Amino acid sequence: MNSGRTVFAQLLRFVPFGHFEHLVDIYQANRWTRDFTAWSHFICMAYAQFTRREGLRDLIACLNSQSAKLYHVGLRNRVTRSTLADANERRNCELFESLGQRLIEIATALHKDQDIGLGLKEPLYAMDSTTIDLCLKLFPWADFRSTKAAVKAHTVIDLRGAIPVMITITTGKVHDVKALDALHLPAGSIVVLDRGYVDFARLYALVQRHCSFVVRGKDNLKYATIDCHAFDPSTGVRADQTIQLLTQKSKKAYPGPLRRVAFFDEKSQLDLVFLSNRLDLPALTIAAIYKQRWQIELFFKWLKQNLTVKHFFGNSLNAVKSQIWIAVCVYLIALIAHKEIGMGISLRNFLHLVEVNMFEKITLKQMVSNALQGEDASVLQSQEEMF
């Protein structure tokens, strides 16, 4: 038994506090308050994520009911609704975004040697967006449709550990393809995209930055075949070609050759066409790379099911961004802790154990070990979900 630190306190130790204080100075995050500091703010919002609070009144009641235990992790005063609401509105969301970037670096370093099973030496990323619906009356700035508001989280994940390496939050009207302009990956990386990202000028700019892509092609693509490659029809491959775009606009946007792979997916019974600038990879590898894109859909589903990113504690853009970035920080803290304890339990179930043991004075390893000793250990160890 750990007689010193609660589970919550142990998780907060994964936050680089010295770097956090440095960020507080950069963004002058405490300039308008003496009592409710940026660290107190983060503790409250992290608590909300770990315990899945869905309303401000509910969160404040739970925080104050545990005030004696929260005192020891840095929350020195009782919190009121107005104090937390003001902090969500006024404290710069870039503070939490920058903290998230630092946690991303830590998580990436822990997962850099993880093998995703495709035999690739290059890092593989998936890019997509998820839409979070909002009430138009409460969030009038988040224009989406005439009767509906929404924000989009344009996201890139490193598939070696389902690590969100880039998140850009916009209103729901911003088209997915525009997020490619802000995409900056290490040279040599491969990014997998859905067909909503087919913009040949932007894809060629990606190639010029020494990155590769695999994207699902659109049905109306006009092209000329330069070369046909041998393939085995029994594998599901229907065509493997090197092509050149035909229309004047597309040729100007993407002057180089492209790989076109047609593939029949037996599971979904769909005929799929993939485009890539990788002329050297086997056709089956290109199809397998695209299949990995599903991991980002699972990431979005996991985030919405296990953290509070659909109910917000403030109505401004700053409050929404702050809450989403703190949710990402909590996800990364859980991911780092889960990796370091190295025990056979899914991330989802690890987070559920944290929720019910927040203020128990027990080590994280002992908490998981106690759960795995039960009759349902096989369920906790299940790898059916990505996490």
Foldseek 3Di string as FASTA:
>chain_A
DFPPDFLQLVLCVLQPVVVLVVLCVVQVQCVVHDQCGPQNLLSLLLLCWLQVDFELVVSLVVCVVCVVLVVVSPNPDRDDLVRNQVSLVPGFLVSLVVSLLVLLVVLCVLQVPQDPPLPDPAWEKEWDKDKFWDACVLAVVLDADPGTGIKMWTFMAGLSQRATNDTDIGRNNDQNLVCLVVDDDPAAYEYEYEQSNPDLLSQVVCVVSNYKYKYWHDPPFAWDFPDWDDDDVVVFWDTWTWIAGDDPVNCVSHVDIKIWIWGQDPVVRDITIMIMPDPPDDSVSSVVSNVSNCLVVLVVVLLVVRTHLRRFSYRYPSSNSNSVSSSSVSLSSLSSVCSVLPDQFDSSVLSVLCNVRVGPSDDSNVSLVVVCVDPCVVVRNDPPGVD
